PDB file of N, CA and C in Angstrom:
ATOM      1  N   MET A   1     -85.958  55.162 -35.648  1.00  0.00           N
ATOM      2  CA  MET A   1     -85.023  54.052 -35.526  1.00  0.00           C
ATOM      3  C   MET A   1     -83.669  54.545 -35.020  1.00  0.00           C
ATOM      4  N   LYS A   2     -83.059  53.762 -34.160  1.00  0.00           N
ATOM      5  CA  LYS A   2     -81.771  54.135 -33.596  1.00  0.00           C
ATOM      6  C   LYS A   2     -80.648  53.953 -34.619  1.00  0.00           C
ATOM      7  N   THR A   3     -79.632  54.770 -34.475  1.00  0.00           N
ATOM      8  CA  THR A   3     -78.429  54.614 -35.272  1.00  0.00           C
ATOM      9  C   THR A   3     -77.573  53.527 -34.657  1.00  0.00           C
ATOM     10  N   ILE A   4     -77.055  52.653 -35.509  1.00  0.00           N
ATOM     11  CA  ILE A   4     -76.201  51.577 -35.058  1.00  0.00           C
ATOM     12  C   ILE A   4     -74.783  51.893 -35.444  1.00  0.00           C
ATOM     13  N   GLU A   5     -73.916  51.959 -34.445  1.00  0.00           N
ATOM     14  CA  GLU A   5     -72.509  52.280 -34.671  1.00  0.00           C
ATOM     15  C   GLU A   5     -71.717  50.972 -34.810  1.00  0.00           C
ATOM     16  N   ILE A   6     -70.883  50.900 -35.836  1.00  0.00           N
ATOM     17  CA  ILE A   6     -70.007  49.749 -36.066  1.00  0.00           C
ATOM     18  C   ILE A   6     -68.774  49.942 -35.209  1.00  0.00           C
ATOM     19  N   ILE A   7     -68.417  48.909 -34.424  1.00  0.00           N
ATOM     20  CA  ILE A   7     -67.211  48.985 -33.580  1.00  0.00           C
ATOM     21  C   ILE A   7     -66.369  47.722 -33.776  1.00  0.00           C
ATOM     22  N   GLN A   8     -65.145  47.797 -33.305  1.00  0.00           N
ATOM     23  CA  GLN A   8     -64.230  46.658 -33.279  1.00  0.00           C
ATOM     24  C   GLN A   8     -64.429  45.921 -31.948  1.00  0.00           C
ATOM     25  N   LYS A   9     -64.217  44.604 -31.958  1.00  0.00           N
ATOM     26  CA  LYS A   9     -64.453  43.840 -30.746  1.00  0.00           C
ATOM     27  C   LYS A   9     -63.596  44.280 -29.566  1.00  0.00           C
ATOM     28  N   GLU A  10     -62.407  44.805 -29.848  1.00  0.00           N
ATOM     29  CA  GLU A  10     -61.539  45.256 -28.758  1.00  0.00           C
ATOM     30  C   GLU A  10     -62.133  46.455 -28.009  1.00  0.00           C
ATOM     31  N   GLN A  11     -63.014  47.211 -28.632  1.00  0.00           N
ATOM     32  CA  GLN A  11     -63.639  48.352 -28.007  1.00  0.00           C
ATOM     33  C   GLN A  11     -64.756  47.974 -27.034  1.00  0.00           C
ATOM     34  N   ILE A  12     -65.221  46.734 -27.112  1.00  0.00           N
ATOM     35  CA  ILE A  12     -66.318  46.278 -26.260  1.00  0.00           C
ATOM     36  C   ILE A  12     -65.941  46.339 -24.783  1.00  0.00           C
ATOM     37  N   LYS A  13     -64.669  46.102 -24.470  1.00  0.00           N
ATOM     38  CA  LYS A  13     -64.223  46.133 -23.068  1.00  0.00           C
ATOM     39  C   LYS A  13     -64.453  47.492 -22.415  1.00  0.00           C
ATOM     40  N   ASP A  14     -64.542  48.560 -23.207  1.00  0.00           N
ATOM     41  CA  ASP A  14     -64.719  49.912 -22.686  1.00  0.00           C
ATOM     42  C   ASP A  14     -66.193  50.283 -22.495  1.00  0.00           C
ATOM     43  N   LEU A  15     -67.124  49.408 -22.887  1.00  0.00           N
ATOM     44  CA  LEU A  15     -68.529  49.700 -22.823  1.00  0.00           C
ATOM     45  C   LEU A  15     -69.145  49.194 -21.512  1.00  0.00           C
ATOM     46  N   LYS A  16     -70.218  49.835 -21.078  1.00  0.00           N
ATOM     47  CA  LYS A  16     -70.952  49.430 -19.885  1.00  0.00           C
ATOM     48  C   LYS A  16     -72.309  48.854 -20.325  1.00  0.00           C
ATOM     49  N   PHE A  17     -72.701  47.753 -19.701  1.00  0.00           N
ATOM     50  CA  PHE A  17     -73.974  47.104 -20.005  1.00  0.00           C
ATOM     51  C   PHE A  17     -74.860  47.154 -18.788  1.00  0.00           C
ATOM     52  N   CYS A  18     -76.180  47.264 -19.028  1.00  0.00           N
ATOM     53  CA  CYS A  18     -77.115  47.199 -17.896  1.00  0.00           C
ATOM     54  C   CYS A  18     -77.637  45.781 -17.745  1.00  0.00           C
ATOM     55  N   LYS A  19     -78.350  45.523 -16.673  1.00  0.00           N
ATOM     56  CA  LYS A  19     -78.839  44.179 -16.415  1.00  0.00           C
ATOM     57  C   LYS A  19     -80.193  43.895 -17.006  1.00  0.00           C
ATOM     58  N   ARG A  20     -80.858  44.926 -17.554  1.00  0.00           N
ATOM     59  CA  ARG A  20     -82.201  44.732 -18.087  1.00  0.00           C
ATOM     60  C   ARG A  20     -82.169  44.020 -19.449  1.00  0.00           C
ATOM     61  N   GLU A  21     -83.224  43.316 -19.749  1.00  0.00           N
ATOM     62  CA  GLU A  21     -83.392  42.605 -21.000  1.00  0.00           C
ATOM     63  C   GLU A  21     -83.822  43.581 -22.112  1.00  0.00           C
ATOM     64  N   VAL A  22     -83.125  43.559 -23.247  1.00  0.00           N
ATOM     65  CA  VAL A  22     -83.444  44.475 -24.346  1.00  0.00           C
ATOM     66  C   VAL A  22     -84.578  43.946 -25.228  1.00  0.00           C
ATOM     67  N   LEU A  23     -84.828  42.645 -25.152  1.00  0.00           N
ATOM     68  CA  LEU A  23     -85.921  42.049 -25.948  1.00  0.00           C
ATOM     69  C   LEU A  23     -87.079  41.712 -25.001  1.00  0.00           C
ATOM     70  N   HIS A  24     -88.296  41.919 -25.465  1.00  0.00           N
ATOM     71  CA  HIS A  24     -89.447  41.699 -24.608  1.00  0.00           C
ATOM     72  C   HIS A  24     -90.344  40.557 -25.096  1.00  0.00           C
ATOM     73  N   ASP A  25     -90.258  40.226 -26.338  1.00  0.00           N
ATOM     74  CA  ASP A  25     -91.072  39.160 -26.921  1.00  0.00           C
ATOM     75  C   ASP A  25     -90.376  37.807 -26.712  1.00  0.00           C
ATOM     76  N   GLU A  26     -91.091  36.828 -26.180  1.00  0.00           N
ATOM     77  CA  GLU A  26     -90.516  35.517 -25.872  1.00  0.00           C
ATOM     78  C   GLU A  26     -90.024  34.807 -27.136  1.00  0.00           C
ATOM     79  N   MET A  27     -90.746  34.926 -28.241  1.00  0.00           N
ATOM     80  CA  MET A  27     -90.316  34.267 -29.481  1.00  0.00           C
ATOM     81  C   MET A  27     -89.047  34.894 -30.034  1.00  0.00           C
ATOM     82  N   VAL A  28     -88.899  36.195 -29.880  1.00  0.00           N
ATOM     83  CA  VAL A  28     -87.690  36.873 -30.349  1.00  0.00           C
ATOM     84  C   VAL A  28     -86.504  36.450 -29.498  1.00  0.00           C
ATOM     85  N   LYS A  29     -86.724  36.264 -28.199  1.00  0.00           N
ATOM     86  CA  LYS A  29     -85.631  35.783 -27.320  1.00  0.00           C
ATOM     87  C   LYS A  29     -85.188  34.370 -27.714  1.00  0.00           C
ATOM     88  N   ARG A  30     -86.172  33.515 -28.035  1.00  0.00           N
ATOM     89  CA  ARG A  30     -85.838  32.158 -28.477  1.00  0.00           C
ATOM     90  C   ARG A  30     -85.046  32.170 -29.766  1.00  0.00           C
ATOM     91  N   ARG A  31     -85.453  33.056 -30.664  1.00  0.00           N
ATOM     92  CA  ARG A  31     -84.751  33.168 -31.955  1.00  0.00           C
ATOM     93  C   ARG A  31     -83.309  33.635 -31.705  1.00  0.00           C
ATOM     94  N   ARG A  32     -83.133  34.584 -30.777  1.00  0.00           N
ATOM     95  CA  ARG A  32     -81.781  35.072 -30.447  1.00  0.00           C
ATOM     96  C   ARG A  32     -80.930  33.908 -29.924  1.00  0.00           C
ATOM     97  N   ASN A  33     -81.479  33.093 -29.021  1.00  0.00           N
ATOM     98  CA  ASN A  33     -80.715  31.951 -28.477  1.00  0.00           C
ATOM     99  C   ASN A  33     -80.349  30.962 -29.577  1.00  0.00           C
ATOM    100  N   PHE A  34     -81.301  30.677 -30.476  1.00  0.00           N
ATOM    101  CA  PHE A  34     -81.005  29.799 -31.604  1.00  0.00           C
ATOM    102  C   PHE A  34     -79.893  30.369 -32.470  1.00  0.00           C
ATOM    103  N   ASP A  35     -79.984  31.663 -32.762  1.00  0.00           N
ATOM    104  CA  ASP A  35     -78.954  32.306 -33.596  1.00  0.00           C
ATOM    105  C   ASP A  35     -77.606  32.301 -32.924  1.00  0.00           C
ATOM    106  N   LEU A  36     -77.575  32.468 -31.607  1.00  0.00           N
ATOM    107  CA  LEU A  36     -76.303  32.432 -30.864  1.00  0.00           C
ATOM    108  C   LEU A  36     -75.671  31.044 -30.901  1.00  0.00           C
ATOM    109  N   MET A  37     -76.480  30.014 -30.759  1.00  0.00           N
ATOM    110  CA  MET A  37     -75.961  28.640 -30.849  1.00  0.00           C
ATOM    111  C   MET A  37     -75.445  28.347 -32.244  1.00  0.00           C
ATOM    112  N   ARG A  38     -76.134  28.837 -33.257  1.00  0.00           N
ATOM    113  CA  ARG A  38     -75.699  28.691 -34.636  1.00  0.00           C
ATOM    114  C   ARG A  38     -74.373  29.438 -34.852  1.00  0.00           C
ATOM    115  N   ALA A  39     -74.266  30.629 -34.284  1.00  0.00           N
ATOM    116  CA  ALA A  39     -73.042  31.439 -34.435  1.00  0.00           C
ATOM    117  C   ALA A  39     -71.871  30.729 -33.743  1.00  0.00           C
ATOM    118  N   GLN A  40     -72.147  30.110 -32.612  1.00  0.00           N
ATOM    119  CA  GLN A  40     -71.098  29.366 -31.892  1.00  0.00           C
ATOM    120  C   GLN A  40     -70.604  28.181 -32.736  1.00  0.00           C
ATOM    121  N   ALA A  41     -71.527  27.457 -33.341  1.00  0.00           N
ATOM    122  CA  ALA A  41     -71.138  26.325 -34.203  1.00  0.00           C
ATOM    123  C   ALA A  41     -70.343  26.823 -35.416  1.00  0.00           C
ATOM    124  N   LEU A  42     -70.795  27.900 -36.034  1.00  0.00           N
ATOM    125  CA  LEU A  42     -70.062  28.465 -37.182  1.00  0.00           C
ATOM    126  C   LEU A  42     -68.663  28.918 -36.768  1.00  0.00           C
ATOM    127  N   GLY A  43     -68.549  29.519 -35.596  1.00  0.00           N
ATOM    128  CA  GLY A  43     -67.276  30.026 -35.117  1.00  0.00           C
ATOM    129  C   GLY A  43     -66.301  28.909 -34.799  1.00  0.00           C
ATOM    130  N   ASN A  44     -66.801  27.847 -34.158  1.00  0.00           N
ATOM    131  CA  ASN A  44     -65.894  26.768 -33.744  1.00  0.00           C
ATOM    132  C   ASN A  44     -65.562  25.832 -34.886  1.00  0.00           C
ATOM    133  N   LEU A  45     -66.498  25.574 -35.768  1.00  0.00           N
ATOM    134  CA  LEU A  45     -66.261  24.615 -36.846  1.00  0.00           C
ATOM    135  C   LEU A  45     -65.640  25.246 -38.084  1.00  0.00           C
ATOM    136  N   LEU A  46     -66.146  26.418 -38.471  1.00  0.00           N
ATOM    137  CA  LEU A  46     -65.699  27.043 -39.726  1.00  0.00           C
ATOM    138  C   LEU A  46     -64.947  28.349 -39.555  1.00  0.00           C
ATOM    139  N   LYS A  47     -64.787  28.798 -38.312  1.00  0.00           N
ATOM    140  CA  LYS A  47     -64.133  30.071 -38.018  1.00  0.00           C
ATOM    141  C   LYS A  47     -64.840  31.234 -38.707  1.00  0.00           C
ATOM    142  N   SER A  48     -66.153  31.089 -38.908  1.00  0.00           N
ATOM    143  CA  SER A  48     -66.958  32.118 -39.559  1.00  0.00           C
ATOM    144  C   SER A  48     -67.358  33.214 -38.583  1.00  0.00           C
ATOM    145  N   LYS A  49     -67.498  34.410 -39.098  1.00  0.00           N
ATOM    146  CA  LYS A  49     -67.901  35.546 -38.268  1.00  0.00           C
ATOM    147  C   LYS A  49     -69.376  35.850 -38.493  1.00  0.00           C
ATOM    148  N   VAL A  50     -69.960  36.483 -37.465  1.00  0.00           N
ATOM    149  CA  VAL A  50     -71.368  36.922 -37.529  1.00  0.00           C
ATOM    150  C   VAL A  50     -71.411  38.388 -37.085  1.00  0.00           C
ATOM    151  N   ASN A  51     -72.504  39.037 -37.401  1.00  0.00           N
ATOM    152  CA  ASN A  51     -72.760  40.389 -36.900  1.00  0.00           C
ATOM    153  C   ASN A  51     -73.624  40.291 -35.667  1.00  0.00           C
ATOM    154  N   ILE A  52     -73.154  40.907 -34.574  1.00  0.00           N
ATOM    155  CA  ILE A  52     -73.934  40.945 -33.337  1.00  0.00           C
ATOM    156  C   ILE A  52     -74.290  42.410 -33.083  1.00  0.00           C
ATOM    157  N   THR A  53     -75.587  42.663 -32.981  1.00  0.00           N
ATOM    158  CA  THR A  53     -76.084  44.015 -32.660  1.00  0.00           C
ATOM    159  C   THR A  53     -76.511  44.005 -31.217  1.00  0.00           C
ATOM    160  N   PHE A  54     -76.011  44.952 -30.442  1.00  0.00           N
ATOM    161  CA  PHE A  54     -76.311  44.971 -29.010  1.00  0.00           C
ATOM    162  C   PHE A  54     -76.509  46.399 -28.509  1.00  0.00           C
ATOM    163  N   GLU A  55     -77.041  46.507 -27.297  1.00  0.00           N
ATOM    164  CA  GLU A  55     -77.332  47.805 -26.696  1.00  0.00           C
ATOM    165  C   GLU A  55     -76.544  47.939 -25.396  1.00  0.00           C
ATOM    166  N   THR A  56     -76.068  49.155 -25.112  1.00  0.00           N
ATOM    167  CA  THR A  56     -75.312  49.408 -23.893  1.00  0.00           C
ATOM    168  C   THR A  56     -76.200  50.063 -22.858  1.00  0.00           C
ATOM    169  N   ALA A  57     -75.647  50.304 -21.687  1.00  0.00           N
ATOM    170  CA  ALA A  57     -76.403  50.895 -20.574  1.00  0.00           C
ATOM    171  C   ALA A  57     -76.941  52.285 -20.917  1.00  0.00           C
ATOM    172  N   ASP A  58     -76.237  53.024 -21.770  1.00  0.00           N
ATOM    173  CA  ASP A  58     -76.702  54.357 -22.154  1.00  0.00           C
ATOM    174  C   ASP A  58     -77.653  54.304 -23.382  1.00  0.00           C
ATOM    175  N   GLU A  59     -78.132  53.103 -23.688  1.00  0.00           N
ATOM    176  CA  GLU A  59     -79.132  52.838 -24.747  1.00  0.00           C
ATOM    177  C   GLU A  59     -78.609  53.154 -26.151  1.00  0.00           C
ATOM    178  N   LYS A  60     -77.318  53.087 -26.347  1.00  0.00           N
ATOM    179  CA  LYS A  60     -76.745  53.213 -27.698  1.00  0.00           C
ATOM    180  C   LYS A  60     -76.655  51.829 -28.289  1.00  0.00           C
ATOM    181  N   SER A  61     -76.829  51.739 -29.606  1.00  0.00           N
ATOM    182  CA  SER A  61     -76.758  50.456 -30.301  1.00  0.00           C
ATOM    183  C   SER A  61     -75.445  50.341 -31.063  1.00  0.00           C
ATOM    184  N   TYR A  62     -74.826  49.181 -30.974  1.00  0.00           N
ATOM    185  CA  TYR A  62     -73.562  48.920 -31.641  1.00  0.00           C
ATOM    186  C   TYR A  62     -73.644  47.605 -32.399  1.00  0.00           C
ATOM    187  N   GLN A  63     -72.803  47.466 -33.404  1.00  0.00           N
ATOM    188  CA  GLN A  63     -72.701  46.205 -34.141  1.00  0.00           C
ATOM    189  C   GLN A  63     -71.234  45.843 -34.284  1.00  0.00           C
ATOM    190  N   VAL A  64     -70.937  44.565 -34.043  1.00  0.00           N
ATOM    191  CA  VAL A  64     -69.580  44.062 -34.171  1.00  0.00           C
ATOM    192  C   VAL A  64     -69.595  42.823 -35.054  1.00  0.00           C
ATOM    193  N   ASN A  65     -68.624  42.720 -35.929  1.00  0.00           N
ATOM    194  CA  ASN A  65     -68.466  41.516 -36.783  1.00  0.00           C
ATOM    195  C   ASN A  65     -67.356  40.695 -36.142  1.00  0.00           C
ATOM    196  N   THR A  66     -67.720  39.516 -35.626  1.00  0.00           N
ATOM    197  CA  THR A  66     -66.770  38.753 -34.842  1.00  0.00           C
ATOM    198  C   THR A  66     -67.101  37.273 -34.862  1.00  0.00           C
ATOM    199  N   THR A  67     -66.199  36.468 -34.347  1.00  0.00           N
ATOM    200  CA  THR A  67     -66.395  35.039 -34.181  1.00  0.00           C
ATOM    201  C   THR A  67     -66.878  34.765 -32.757  1.00  0.00           C
ATOM    202  N   VAL A  68     -67.942  33.971 -32.632  1.00  0.00           N
ATOM    203  CA  VAL A  68     -68.466  33.596 -31.309  1.00  0.00           C
ATOM    204  C   VAL A  68     -67.769  32.280 -30.910  1.00  0.00           C
ATOM    205  N   TRP A  69     -67.055  32.327 -29.773  1.00  0.00           N
ATOM    206  CA  TRP A  69     -66.338  31.121 -29.337  1.00  0.00           C
ATOM    207  C   TRP A  69     -67.188  30.268 -28.407  1.00  0.00           C
ATOM    208  N   ALA A  70     -67.979  30.902 -27.529  1.00  0.00           N
ATOM    209  CA  ALA A  70     -68.793  30.140 -26.587  1.00  0.00           C
ATOM    210  C   ALA A  70     -70.021  30.938 -26.201  1.00  0.00           C
ATOM    211  N   VAL A  71     -71.121  30.198 -25.921  1.00  0.00           N
ATOM    212  CA  VAL A  71     -72.358  30.807 -25.459  1.00  0.00           C
ATOM    213  C   VAL A  71     -72.687  30.166 -24.105  1.00  0.00           C
ATOM    214  N   GLY A  72     -72.737  31.011 -23.075  1.00  0.00           N
ATOM    215  CA  GLY A  72     -73.097  30.527 -21.743  1.00  0.00           C
ATOM    216  C   GLY A  72     -74.548  30.846 -21.446  1.00  0.00           C
ATOM    217  N   SER A  73     -74.927  30.744 -20.210  1.00  0.00           N
ATOM    218  CA  SER A  73     -76.302  31.040 -19.820  1.00  0.00           C
ATOM    219  C   SER A  73     -76.551  32.545 -19.770  1.00  0.00           C
ATOM    220  N   ASP A  74     -75.512  33.325 -19.498  1.00  0.00           N
ATOM    221  CA  ASP A  74     -75.671  34.793 -19.337  1.00  0.00           C
ATOM    222  C   ASP A  74     -74.810  35.613 -20.292  1.00  0.00           C
ATOM    223  N   PHE A  75     -73.728  35.039 -20.791  1.00  0.00           N
ATOM    224  CA  PHE A  75     -72.775  35.804 -21.607  1.00  0.00           C
ATOM    225  C   PHE A  75     -72.382  35.042 -22.870  1.00  0.00           C
ATOM    226  N   VAL A  76     -71.955  35.815 -23.876  1.00  0.00           N
ATOM    227  CA  VAL A  76     -71.344  35.283 -25.088  1.00  0.00           C
ATOM    228  C   VAL A  76     -69.865  35.613 -25.009  1.00  0.00           C
ATOM    229  N   CYS A  77     -69.013  34.621 -25.250  1.00  0.00           N
ATOM    230  CA  CYS A  77     -67.579  34.826 -25.224  1.00  0.00           C
ATOM    231  C   CYS A  77     -67.037  34.960 -26.655  1.00  0.00           C
ATOM    232  N   LEU A  78     -66.312  36.038 -26.866  1.00  0.00           N
ATOM    233  CA  LEU A  78     -65.671  36.286 -28.155  1.00  0.00           C
ATOM    234  C   LEU A  78     -64.180  36.036 -27.981  1.00  0.00           C
ATOM    235  N   LYS A  79     -63.451  36.122 -29.056  1.00  0.00           N
ATOM    236  CA  LYS A  79     -62.012  35.965 -29.042  1.00  0.00           C
ATOM    237  C   LYS A  79     -61.387  37.059 -28.142  1.00  0.00           C
ATOM    238  N   SER A  80     -60.226  36.790 -27.611  1.00  0.00           N
ATOM    239  CA  SER A  80     -59.457  37.732 -26.762  1.00  0.00           C
ATOM    240  C   SER A  80     -60.149  38.002 -25.435  1.00  0.00           C
ATOM    241  N   ASP A  81     -60.893  37.011 -24.920  1.00  0.00           N
ATOM    242  CA  ASP A  81     -61.494  37.107 -23.588  1.00  0.00           C
ATOM    243  C   ASP A  81     -62.441  38.295 -23.465  1.00  0.00           C
ATOM    244  N   ILE A  82     -63.267  38.504 -24.458  1.00  0.00           N
ATOM    245  CA  ILE A  82     -64.249  39.585 -24.485  1.00  0.00           C
ATOM    246  C   ILE A  82     -65.638  38.965 -24.346  1.00  0.00           C
ATOM    247  N   TYR A  83     -66.483  39.581 -23.507  1.00  0.00           N
ATOM    248  CA  TYR A  83     -67.802  39.046 -23.242  1.00  0.00           C
ATOM    249  C   TYR A  83     -68.876  40.080 -23.508  1.00  0.00           C
ATOM    250  N   ILE A  84     -70.045  39.612 -23.982  1.00  0.00           N
ATOM    251  CA  ILE A  84     -71.217  40.457 -24.142  1.00  0.00           C
ATOM    252  C   ILE A  84     -72.358  39.762 -23.389  1.00  0.00           C
ATOM    253  N   PRO A  85     -73.063  40.484 -22.514  1.00  0.00           N
ATOM    254  CA  PRO A  85     -74.218  39.852 -21.862  1.00  0.00           C
ATOM    255  C   PRO A  85     -75.312  39.510 -22.881  1.00  0.00           C
ATOM    256  N   ILE A  86     -75.881  38.334 -22.782  1.00  0.00           N
ATOM    257  CA  ILE A  86     -76.912  37.922 -23.722  1.00  0.00           C
ATOM    258  C   ILE A  86     -78.111  38.852 -23.669  1.00  0.00           C
ATOM    259  N   ASN A  87     -78.457  39.323 -22.470  1.00  0.00           N
ATOM    260  CA  ASN A  87     -79.643  40.196 -22.330  1.00  0.00           C
ATOM    261  C   ASN A  87     -79.461  41.545 -23.054  1.00  0.00           C
ATOM    262  N   ALA A  88     -78.239  41.881 -23.470  1.00  0.00           N
ATOM    263  CA  ALA A  88     -77.967  43.129 -24.194  1.00  0.00           C
ATOM    264  C   ALA A  88     -78.012  42.962 -25.717  1.00  0.00           C
ATOM    265  N   ILE A  89     -78.058  41.711 -26.195  1.00  0.00           N
ATOM    266  CA  ILE A  89     -77.983  41.431 -27.622  1.00  0.00           C
ATOM    267  C   ILE A  89     -79.368  41.588 -28.270  1.00  0.00           C
ATOM    268  N   LEU A  90     -79.414  42.436 -29.288  1.00  0.00           N
ATOM    269  CA  LEU A  90     -80.646  42.676 -30.029  1.00  0.00           C
ATOM    270  C   LEU A  90     -80.837  41.711 -31.182  1.00  0.00           C
ATOM    271  N   GLU A  91     -79.724  41.378 -31.873  1.00  0.00           N
ATOM    272  CA  GLU A  91     -79.817  40.564 -33.057  1.00  0.00           C
ATOM    273  C   GLU A  91     -78.489  39.905 -33.399  1.00  0.00           C
ATOM    274  N   VAL A  92     -78.557  38.708 -33.981  1.00  0.00           N
ATOM    275  CA  VAL A  92     -77.396  37.988 -34.452  1.00  0.00           C
ATOM    276  C   VAL A  92     -77.673  37.572 -35.879  1.00  0.00           C
ATOM    277  N   ASP A  93     -76.786  37.954 -36.804  1.00  0.00           N
ATOM    278  CA  ASP A  93     -76.958  37.522 -38.216  1.00  0.00           C
ATOM    279  C   ASP A  93     -75.614  37.390 -38.893  1.00  0.00           C
TER     280      ASP A  93
END
């Protein structure tokens, strides 16, 4: 199992992401999209934070505790104009 490093959302701007999809199972991808929409609702309505686990281009795993402001077709927008590609997200909880 990979080690997951906890980072602050401001550090995400310094990371590089690849274009490949980190999840391969279609049901797991659907669950991720559902969880992202739930996180967006929690962020906008209750200002609640979620943990997002994601992978970078160098295949390192990171986790950030943050508020999700918007979910687009390709990216998740966090506070302070920070974006994470959806295809890099492993888990949202």
